[in-house]
Amino acid sequence: MAIKGWQYLTVDEIKASSPSSIAIGPFGSRMKSDLYTSAGVPVIRGNNLSDSHVLKGEFVYVSPETADELAGCNVFPGDLVFPHRGAIGEVGIVPADGPARFILSTSLMKLTCNRALAEPMFLFYFFRSRQGRHELLKNASTVGTPGIGQPLTSLRSIRVPVPEIPEQRAIIGVLSDLDNKIELNRQTNRTLEAITGALFKSWFVDFDPARANSNRREPRWLGPIADLFPDSFEASTRGPVPKGWQVKTIRELCSTIQYGLTTSGHVEPVGPKFLRITDIQGGWVNWGTVPHCDASPEEIEKYRLCPHDVVVARTGASTGENLYLPTVPNAVFASYLVRFQFSDPSLARMVGAYMRTQDYFEYIANCIGGSAQPNASAQVLASAHLVVPPENLVRNFAATVWPMDLKSTENDKESQVLSELRDVLLPKLIAGELRVKDAEREIAEYV
């Protein structure tokens, strides 16, 4: 049934009148890796798209001159970007608070919309809905690497519900408020992780308290804990370390090392959550976007994630990316992850902090070299060396960061609720089945 004030238009009808308002990224021969520079115009690739309107990860760059030569592939604030190969069904939007322009990678296509007809963020939310995702996927081939045979023709033909601009903005306001709160939780958790990392580095990498003790300077910021640090150093395979401390591998410290479950995820809320490499972003996971999976009782028992587990990615561009889990929902982990378990939760916390250090990431990078298909076995991931203090200091470190871990867990749980609520409201708002005022009342019950 048609909704008063709503139109149903094709993407071709709502595109801007400017040249290249719908365009595909440059052919591979025109965007080779040897064109990348250390700075310049950032290239948006598929791995920069996230589960929100925020672009993620590291960018590569091309020179302004290269970007000028590929002017039709430039994208600007408010442009939408879609993979036509690989992660088909995803969508991103160029931020207003970033660089003046980006350039598409070879696997992406773009849409610049006519803002008299459609707000970019409204279209972004449409394409994140189940209906919009279906439209992006319906012409995709799943043979080999997923791809769309005629990507621009397919994109132009998609029909989009288009309410009047004030209604679009009201819908954007409701959904972006939820997204912004989720992003705020993510940023807060990154800050908490940074504090934990700084403390770990000070105590167990730079040995600041031990150095203060050795120089007869009282480390007043520590209080009684300062007495647990030695006041002298001794030689080790990693250079001078506080006296009595040991250098050990992760393997020597953990009790269990395990590869994950091979299965597929699905969006239906049936079965345990299925944690994958792509769900781990900078030591954080939004459980609200993690899919579920089918698993037998035996598989659930074998692969169920437990509090104080540490999981590490073993393949792909994210090799070495890892996550410490102070608490965890009902979830299992995928085969491209390796689980490390420890008999002492305090030891798990310390090793989890070590795995977030530059030292560990550099160790992994050196192990996998410049491989086109990075891959690290569990043995490699577990062979890194770290300096291990006495048990009482390990437990003091864990106790000191535990309140921050709890706050991160609270943020994760809130983000999961907000994410699930957003995903319930989004298709109803986009389809006109739910009015904005009714959605706001539903949100008020949760927030």
Protein backbone atom coordinates (compact mmCIF):
# COMPACT_ATOMS: atom_id res chain seq x y z
CA MET A 1 0.00 0.00 0.00
CA ALA A 2 1.35 3.41 -0.98
CA ILE A 3 2.12 5.76 1.90
CA LYS A 4 0.99 9.36 1.60
CA GLY A 5 3.89 11.63 0.70
CA TRP A 6 6.19 8.72 -0.26
CA GLN A 7 7.51 7.99 -3.73
CA TYR A 8 9.20 4.85 -5.03
CA LEU A 9 12.04 5.84 -7.33
CA THR A 10 14.96 4.03 -8.91
CA VAL A 11 18.51 4.92 -7.94
CA ASP A 12 18.89 6.24 -11.49
CA GLU A 13 16.06 8.69 -10.78
CA ILE A 14 17.52 9.97 -7.52
CA LYS A 15 21.14 10.29 -8.66
CA ALA A 16 22.62 13.76 -8.96
CA SER A 17 22.79 15.40 -12.38
CA SER A 18 26.57 15.85 -12.11
CA PRO A 19 28.87 13.69 -14.27
CA SER A 20 29.91 10.36 -12.74
CA SER A 21 27.18 10.51 -10.08
CA ILE A 22 27.05 6.73 -10.50
CA ALA A 23 30.47 5.29 -11.23
CA ILE A 24 32.70 2.29 -10.69
CA GLY A 25 36.23 2.26 -9.30
CA PRO A 26 39.20 2.30 -11.69
CA PHE A 27 40.25 -0.82 -13.53
CA GLY A 28 43.01 -2.69 -11.76
CA SER A 29 45.56 -1.66 -14.35
CA ARG A 30 44.91 1.99 -13.44
CA MET A 31 45.09 1.47 -9.66
CA LYS A 32 48.11 -0.70 -9.01
CA SER A 33 49.70 -0.86 -5.59
CA ASP A 34 52.83 0.84 -6.91
CA LEU A 35 50.75 4.03 -7.19
CA TYR A 36 50.26 4.09 -3.42
CA THR A 37 52.00 6.90 -1.55
CA SER A 38 52.60 7.63 2.13
CA ALA A 39 50.16 10.56 2.05
CA GLY A 40 47.75 12.25 -0.33
CA VAL A 41 44.20 11.27 -1.28
CA PRO A 42 42.96 8.27 0.76
CA VAL A 43 41.63 5.22 -1.07
CA ILE A 44 38.41 3.67 0.24
CA ARG A 45 38.63 -0.13 0.07
CA GLY A 46 36.14 -2.79 1.11
CA ASN A 47 37.90 -3.34 4.45
CA ASN A 48 37.29 0.32 5.34
CA LEU A 49 33.53 -0.24 5.50
CA SER A 50 32.21 -0.95 8.99
CA ASP A 51 28.98 -1.85 10.77
CA SER A 52 28.19 1.87 11.14
CA HIS A 53 28.52 5.10 9.19
CA VAL A 54 32.13 5.42 10.41
CA LEU A 55 34.90 4.25 8.09
CA LYS A 56 37.38 1.94 9.84
CA GLY A 57 40.91 0.66 9.54
CA GLU A 58 44.03 1.91 7.83
CA PHE A 59 43.94 3.77 4.53
CA VAL A 60 46.32 3.68 1.62
CA TYR A 61 46.87 6.83 -0.43
CA VAL A 62 47.51 8.01 -3.96
CA SER A 63 48.97 11.33 -5.03
CA PRO A 64 46.61 14.24 -5.83
CA GLU A 65 47.81 14.00 -9.42
CA THR A 66 46.71 10.35 -9.65
CA ALA A 67 43.36 11.25 -8.09
CA ASP A 68 42.92 14.04 -10.62
CA GLU A 69 43.60 11.62 -13.49
CA LEU A 70 40.87 9.36 -12.06
CA ALA A 71 38.45 12.21 -11.36
CA GLY A 72 35.38 10.11 -12.13
CA CYS A 73 36.34 7.76 -9.31
CA ASN A 74 36.68 10.50 -6.69
CA VAL A 75 34.11 10.55 -3.91
CA PHE A 76 33.12 13.40 -1.65
CA PRO A 77 31.25 13.88 1.65
CA GLY A 78 27.80 12.33 1.45
CA ASP A 79 28.60 9.95 -1.42
CA LEU A 80 27.61 6.32 -0.89
CA VAL A 81 30.04 3.51 -1.72
CA PHE A 82 29.23 -0.16 -2.36
CA PRO A 83 31.38 -3.21 -3.10
CA HIS A 84 30.60 -4.79 -6.47
CA ARG A 85 33.08 -7.57 -5.75
CA GLY A 86 33.80 -9.35 -2.47
CA ALA A 87 31.69 -8.04 0.41
CA ILE A 88 28.60 -7.38 -1.70
CA GLY A 89 25.68 -6.07 0.35
CA GLU A 90 27.80 -3.71 2.44
CA VAL A 91 27.48 0.08 2.19
CA GLY A 92 29.54 3.03 3.40
CA ILE A 93 29.15 6.78 3.34
CA VAL A 94 31.91 9.35 2.89
CA PRO A 95 32.16 11.36 6.15
CA ALA A 96 31.68 15.10 6.30
CA ASP A 97 34.38 15.55 8.94
CA GLY A 98 37.22 13.89 7.06
CA PRO A 99 39.34 14.65 3.99
CA ALA A 100 37.85 16.80 1.24
CA ARG A 101 37.83 13.80 -1.11
CA PHE A 102 38.63 10.11 -1.31
CA ILE A 103 39.06 7.81 -4.29
CA LEU A 104 37.39 4.45 -4.91
CA SER A 105 39.32 1.21 -5.02
CA THR A 106 38.79 -1.11 -7.97
CA SER A 107 36.19 -3.21 -6.11
CA LEU A 108 33.81 -0.37 -5.20
CA MET A 109 31.15 1.72 -6.94
CA LYS A 110 29.60 5.00 -5.86
CA LEU A 111 26.38 7.00 -5.82
CA THR A 112 26.05 10.77 -5.51
CA CYS A 113 22.39 11.54 -4.83
CA ASN A 114 20.17 14.48 -5.71
CA ARG A 115 19.71 16.05 -2.30
CA ALA A 116 16.47 17.71 -3.36
CA LEU A 117 15.03 14.18 -3.50
CA ALA A 118 17.02 12.09 -1.05
CA GLU A 119 19.26 12.66 1.96
CA PRO A 120 22.44 10.57 1.69
CA MET A 121 22.07 9.21 5.22
CA PHE A 122 18.51 8.09 4.48
CA LEU A 123 19.78 6.10 1.51
CA PHE A 124 22.63 4.77 3.65
CA TYR A 125 20.10 3.42 6.16
CA PHE A 126 17.92 2.04 3.37
CA PHE A 127 20.84 0.02 2.02
CA ARG A 128 21.62 -1.23 5.52
CA SER A 129 18.09 -2.54 5.88
CA ARG A 130 17.22 -6.11 4.96
CA GLN A 131 15.32 -4.85 1.89
CA GLY A 132 18.22 -2.68 0.71
CA ARG A 133 20.78 -5.41 1.30
CA HIS A 134 18.60 -7.83 -0.67
CA GLU A 135 18.52 -5.38 -3.58
CA LEU A 136 22.32 -5.16 -3.59
CA LEU A 137 22.71 -8.93 -3.44
CA LYS A 138 20.01 -10.10 -5.86
CA ASN A 139 22.17 -9.83 -9.00
CA ALA A 140 25.37 -11.10 -7.41
CA SER A 141 27.09 -14.28 -8.45
CA THR A 142 28.32 -16.52 -5.64
CA VAL A 143 30.60 -18.61 -7.87
CA GLY A 144 34.19 -18.00 -6.77
CA THR A 145 34.71 -14.47 -5.45
CA PRO A 146 31.22 -12.89 -5.12
CA GLY A 147 30.66 -10.29 -7.84
CA ILE A 148 28.02 -8.42 -9.84
CA GLY A 149 28.20 -8.90 -13.61
CA GLN A 150 26.81 -5.47 -14.53
CA PRO A 151 27.21 -3.56 -11.30
CA LEU A 152 26.20 -0.07 -12.44
CA THR A 153 23.15 -1.32 -14.33
CA SER A 154 22.15 -3.29 -11.27
CA LEU A 155 22.62 -0.30 -8.95
CA ARG A 156 20.65 2.07 -11.23
CA SER A 157 17.66 -0.28 -11.32
CA ILE A 158 17.17 -0.57 -7.54
CA ARG A 159 13.89 0.98 -6.39
CA VAL A 160 14.00 2.99 -3.17
CA PRO A 161 11.16 4.26 -0.94
CA VAL A 162 11.54 8.04 -0.81
CA PRO A 163 9.45 9.99 1.72
CA GLU A 164 9.47 13.75 1.83
CA ILE A 165 12.74 15.32 3.01
CA PRO A 166 11.46 16.29 6.52
CA GLU A 167 10.38 12.68 7.10
CA GLN A 168 13.73 11.40 5.84
CA ARG A 169 15.54 13.69 8.27
CA ALA A 170 13.35 12.56 11.16
CA ILE A 171 14.12 8.90 10.38
CA ILE A 172 17.83 9.72 10.11
CA GLY A 173 17.67 11.42 13.51
CA VAL A 174 16.20 8.36 15.22
CA LEU A 175 18.64 5.86 13.69
CA SER A 176 21.74 8.06 13.91
CA ASP A 177 21.10 8.71 17.62
CA LEU A 178 21.36 4.95 18.18
CA ASP A 179 24.43 4.66 15.94
CA ASN A 180 26.12 7.61 17.66
CA LYS A 181 25.61 6.06 21.09
CA ILE A 182 27.08 2.77 19.85
CA GLU A 183 30.05 4.67 18.40
CA LEU A 184 30.49 6.60 21.66
CA ASN A 185 30.64 3.29 23.54
CA ARG A 186 33.22 2.07 21.05
CA GLN A 187 35.35 5.19 21.51
CA THR A 188 35.05 4.92 25.30
CA ASN A 189 36.23 1.32 25.15
CA ARG A 190 39.18 2.34 23.00
CA THR A 191 40.11 4.94 25.60
CA LEU A 192 39.85 2.36 28.38
CA GLU A 193 41.99 -0.03 26.37
CA ALA A 194 44.54 2.73 25.81
CA ILE A 195 44.72 3.35 29.57
CA THR A 196 45.20 -0.37 30.20
CA GLY A 197 47.87 -0.49 27.49
CA ALA A 198 49.69 2.52 28.94
CA LEU A 199 49.71 0.92 32.39
CA PHE A 200 51.00 -2.38 30.99
CA LYS A 201 53.75 -0.57 29.10
CA SER A 202 54.78 1.45 32.13
CA TRP A 203 54.94 -1.55 34.47
CA PHE A 204 56.07 -4.40 32.24
CA VAL A 205 57.80 -2.88 29.20
CA ASP A 206 59.43 0.37 30.33
CA PHE A 207 59.71 -0.90 33.95
CA ASP A 208 59.04 2.63 35.28
CA PRO A 209 58.37 1.61 38.93
CA ALA A 210 61.45 -0.65 39.03
CA ARG A 211 63.60 2.13 37.55
CA ALA A 212 62.25 4.59 40.11
CA ASN A 213 63.10 2.14 42.89
CA SER A 214 66.59 1.55 41.51
CA ASN A 215 67.21 5.31 41.44
CA ARG A 216 65.92 5.65 44.99
CA ARG A 217 62.99 7.75 43.77
CA GLU A 218 59.68 6.92 45.37
CA PRO A 219 57.06 6.12 42.69
CA ARG A 220 54.29 7.84 44.64
CA TRP A 221 51.68 7.29 41.96
CA LEU A 222 51.71 3.57 42.85
CA GLY A 223 51.36 3.72 46.60
CA PRO A 224 51.98 0.36 48.36
CA ILE A 225 52.22 -1.48 45.03
CA ALA A 226 55.61 0.19 44.49
CA ASP A 227 57.09 -2.14 47.10
CA LEU A 228 56.30 -5.14 44.88
CA PHE A 229 58.74 -3.95 42.23
CA PRO A 230 62.48 -4.77 42.61
CA ASP A 231 65.12 -2.07 42.82
CA SER A 232 67.69 -3.69 40.53
CA PHE A 233 67.97 -5.30 37.08
CA GLU A 234 69.57 -8.39 35.59
CA ALA A 235 70.46 -9.55 32.10
CA SER A 236 68.02 -11.57 29.97
CA THR A 237 67.44 -12.56 26.34
CA ARG A 238 65.39 -9.36 26.02
CA GLY A 239 67.96 -7.11 27.59
CA PRO A 240 67.99 -5.87 31.22
CA VAL A 241 64.82 -6.83 33.13
CA PRO A 242 63.84 -6.31 36.78
CA LYS A 243 65.61 -8.78 39.01
CA GLY A 244 63.70 -12.01 39.49
CA TRP A 245 61.46 -11.52 36.46
CA GLN A 246 61.47 -14.14 33.69
CA VAL A 247 61.24 -14.16 29.89
CA LYS A 248 58.68 -16.71 28.66
CA THR A 249 56.68 -17.50 25.54
CA ILE A 250 52.90 -17.27 25.45
CA ARG A 251 52.85 -21.02 24.93
CA GLU A 252 54.64 -21.56 28.25
CA LEU A 253 52.01 -19.46 30.04
CA CYS A 254 48.74 -20.75 28.57
CA SER A 255 46.95 -23.98 29.38
CA THR A 256 45.02 -24.48 26.11
CA ILE A 257 45.50 -23.45 22.47
CA GLN A 258 42.63 -24.24 20.12
CA TYR A 259 41.47 -23.55 16.56
CA GLY A 260 37.81 -22.59 16.12
CA LEU A 261 34.69 -24.03 14.51
CA THR A 262 34.17 -24.30 10.74
CA THR A 263 30.59 -23.30 9.93
CA SER A 264 28.62 -20.36 8.50
CA GLY A 265 26.90 -17.50 10.25
CA HIS A 266 23.31 -16.35 9.71
CA VAL A 267 21.27 -13.33 10.74
CA GLU A 268 18.38 -15.28 12.26
CA PRO A 269 18.64 -15.07 16.09
CA VAL A 270 18.87 -18.84 16.48
CA GLY A 271 21.83 -20.67 17.95
CA PRO A 272 24.95 -19.24 19.61
CA LYS A 273 26.71 -16.11 18.40
CA PHE A 274 29.48 -16.86 15.91
CA LEU A 275 32.57 -14.69 16.47
CA ARG A 276 34.61 -14.17 13.28
CA ILE A 277 37.79 -12.28 12.39
CA THR A 278 35.75 -9.48 10.83
CA ASP A 279 33.87 -8.90 14.09
CA ILE A 280 37.04 -7.90 15.97
CA GLN A 281 37.91 -4.26 15.42
CA GLY A 282 40.79 -2.82 17.36
CA GLY A 283 40.42 -5.11 20.36
CA TRP A 284 36.65 -4.49 20.54
CA VAL A 285 33.57 -6.32 19.30
CA ASN A 286 29.98 -5.14 18.91
CA TRP A 287 28.11 -8.31 19.82
CA GLY A 288 24.92 -6.82 18.38
CA THR A 289 26.30 -7.25 14.85
CA VAL A 290 27.86 -10.70 15.36
CA PRO A 291 25.81 -13.35 13.51
CA HIS A 292 24.43 -16.55 14.95
CA CYS A 293 25.25 -20.04 13.71
CA ASP A 294 24.00 -23.62 13.72
CA ALA A 295 26.11 -25.85 15.94
CA SER A 296 25.53 -29.21 17.57
CA PRO A 297 25.54 -29.48 21.37
CA GLU A 298 28.95 -31.16 21.12
CA GLU A 299 30.32 -28.32 19.00
CA ILE A 300 28.90 -25.70 21.34
CA GLU A 301 30.52 -27.44 24.28
CA LYS A 302 33.88 -27.67 22.48
CA TYR A 303 34.02 -24.17 20.99
CA ARG A 304 32.05 -22.11 23.51
CA LEU A 305 33.89 -18.91 24.45
CA CYS A 306 34.59 -18.48 28.15
CA PRO A 307 35.41 -15.49 30.37
CA HIS A 308 39.13 -14.58 30.23
CA ASP A 309 39.68 -16.22 26.84
CA VAL A 310 42.04 -14.49 24.42
CA VAL A 311 41.31 -15.00 20.72
CA VAL A 312 43.71 -14.12 17.90
CA ALA A 313 43.17 -13.90 14.12
CA ARG A 314 45.46 -16.29 12.27
CA THR A 315 44.91 -15.38 8.62
CA GLY A 316 44.15 -12.53 6.23
CA ALA A 317 44.88 -8.83 6.57
CA SER A 318 43.86 -8.97 10.24
CA THR A 319 46.42 -11.63 11.20
CA GLY A 320 47.46 -10.97 14.81
CA GLU A 321 44.36 -8.89 15.62
CA ASN A 322 43.13 -10.10 18.99
CA LEU A 323 40.57 -9.75 21.74
CA TYR A 324 40.58 -10.34 25.50
CA LEU A 325 37.17 -11.37 26.82
CA PRO A 326 36.52 -10.47 30.48
CA THR A 327 32.98 -11.75 30.02
CA VAL A 328 31.21 -13.22 27.01
CA PRO A 329 27.65 -14.00 25.82
CA ASN A 330 26.63 -17.41 24.53
CA ALA A 331 29.07 -17.63 21.64
CA VAL A 332 31.45 -19.89 19.74
CA PHE A 333 34.44 -18.82 17.65
CA ALA A 334 35.33 -19.34 14.00
CA SER A 335 38.09 -21.51 12.57
CA TYR A 336 40.24 -18.55 11.49
CA LEU A 337 40.61 -17.60 15.14
CA VAL A 338 42.86 -19.24 17.73
CA ARG A 339 41.77 -19.40 21.36
CA PHE A 340 44.28 -19.12 24.22
CA GLN A 341 43.14 -20.11 27.70
CA PHE A 342 44.99 -19.71 31.00
CA SER A 343 44.65 -21.43 34.34
CA ASP A 344 44.93 -18.05 36.11
CA PRO A 345 42.54 -15.26 34.93
CA SER A 346 45.08 -12.64 36.05
CA LEU A 347 47.68 -14.17 33.75
CA ALA A 348 45.13 -14.14 30.92
CA ARG A 349 44.60 -10.42 31.50
CA MET A 350 48.31 -9.67 31.40
CA VAL A 351 48.90 -11.70 28.23
CA GLY A 352 45.81 -10.10 26.67
CA ALA A 353 47.34 -6.69 27.35
CA TYR A 354 50.68 -7.81 25.91
CA MET A 355 48.98 -8.96 22.70
CA ARG A 356 47.71 -5.40 22.17
CA THR A 357 51.24 -3.95 22.24
CA GLN A 358 53.25 -2.79 19.27
CA ASP A 359 55.86 -5.39 20.21
CA TYR A 360 53.42 -8.24 19.56
CA PHE A 361 52.07 -6.80 16.32
CA GLU A 362 55.63 -6.26 15.04
CA TYR A 363 56.49 -9.84 16.00
CA ILE A 364 53.52 -11.12 13.94
CA ALA A 365 54.42 -8.85 11.01
CA ASN A 366 57.97 -10.19 11.01
CA CYS A 367 56.73 -13.77 11.10
CA ILE A 368 54.38 -13.44 8.15
CA GLY A 369 56.64 -11.08 6.19
CA GLY A 370 55.12 -9.47 3.11
CA SER A 371 52.98 -12.45 2.21
CA ALA A 372 50.09 -11.74 -0.17
CA GLN A 373 47.97 -14.15 1.88
CA PRO A 374 49.09 -13.61 5.50
CA ASN A 375 48.79 -16.68 7.65
CA ALA A 376 50.14 -17.50 11.10
CA SER A 377 49.77 -20.86 12.77
CA ALA A 378 48.86 -21.21 16.42
CA GLN A 379 52.47 -22.18 17.06
CA VAL A 380 53.68 -18.88 15.60
CA LEU A 381 51.07 -16.83 17.49
CA ALA A 382 52.12 -18.53 20.74
CA SER A 383 55.89 -18.24 20.25
CA ALA A 384 56.21 -14.54 21.10
CA HIS A 385 58.31 -13.78 24.19
CA LEU A 386 57.29 -11.44 26.98
CA VAL A 387 58.72 -10.43 30.34
CA VAL A 388 56.74 -12.04 33.17
CA PRO A 389 56.76 -10.53 36.68
CA PRO A 390 56.03 -12.46 39.90
CA GLU A 391 52.49 -13.68 40.51
CA ASN A 392 51.60 -10.94 43.01
CA LEU A 393 52.33 -8.22 40.45
CA VAL A 394 50.37 -10.04 37.75
CA ARG A 395 47.36 -10.13 40.06
CA ASN A 396 47.76 -6.49 41.05
CA PHE A 397 47.78 -5.49 37.40
CA ALA A 398 44.62 -7.50 36.71
CA ALA A 399 42.88 -6.03 39.77
CA THR A 400 43.86 -2.48 38.75
CA VAL A 401 42.39 -2.76 35.24
CA TRP A 402 39.37 -4.86 36.22
CA PRO A 403 37.04 -1.84 36.78
CA MET A 404 37.85 -0.67 33.25
CA ASP A 405 37.15 -4.16 31.92
CA LEU A 406 33.77 -4.13 33.65
CA LYS A 407 32.93 -0.73 32.18
CA SER A 408 33.88 -1.99 28.72
CA THR A 409 31.63 -5.00 29.26
CA GLU A 410 28.73 -2.73 30.28
CA ASN A 411 29.29 -0.66 27.15
CA ASP A 412 29.34 -3.82 25.03
CA LYS A 413 26.03 -4.99 26.49
CA GLU A 414 24.41 -1.60 25.96
CA SER A 415 25.70 -1.46 22.40
CA GLN A 416 24.27 -4.90 21.72
CA VAL A 417 20.84 -3.82 22.96
CA LEU A 418 21.00 -0.60 20.94
CA SER A 419 22.21 -2.42 17.83
CA GLU A 420 19.42 -4.99 18.04
CA LEU A 421 16.85 -2.23 18.64
CA ARG A 422 18.17 -0.26 15.65
CA ASP A 423 18.00 -3.34 13.43
CA VAL A 424 14.38 -3.92 14.47
CA LEU A 425 13.33 -0.30 13.91
CA LEU A 426 15.33 0.33 10.72
CA PRO A 427 13.31 -1.75 8.21
CA LYS A 428 10.00 -0.61 9.70
CA LEU A 429 10.96 3.06 9.50
CA ILE A 430 12.40 2.73 6.01
CA ALA A 431 9.27 0.94 4.76
CA GLY A 432 6.91 3.39 6.47
CA GLU A 433 5.45 0.67 8.71
CA LEU A 434 6.47 2.58 11.84
CA ARG A 435 6.24 6.33 12.34
CA VAL A 436 9.04 8.29 13.95
CA LYS A 437 7.10 9.21 17.09
CA ASP A 438 6.26 5.55 17.73
CA ALA A 439 9.92 4.60 17.24
CA GLU A 440 10.99 7.28 19.71
CA ARG A 441 8.63 5.84 22.31
CA GLU A 442 10.12 2.36 21.81
CA ILE A 443 13.63 3.74 22.19
CA ALA A 444 12.68 5.57 25.39
CA GLU A 445 11.86 2.20 26.99
CA TYR A 446 15.46 1.04 26.48
CA VAL A 447 17.58 4.17 26.80
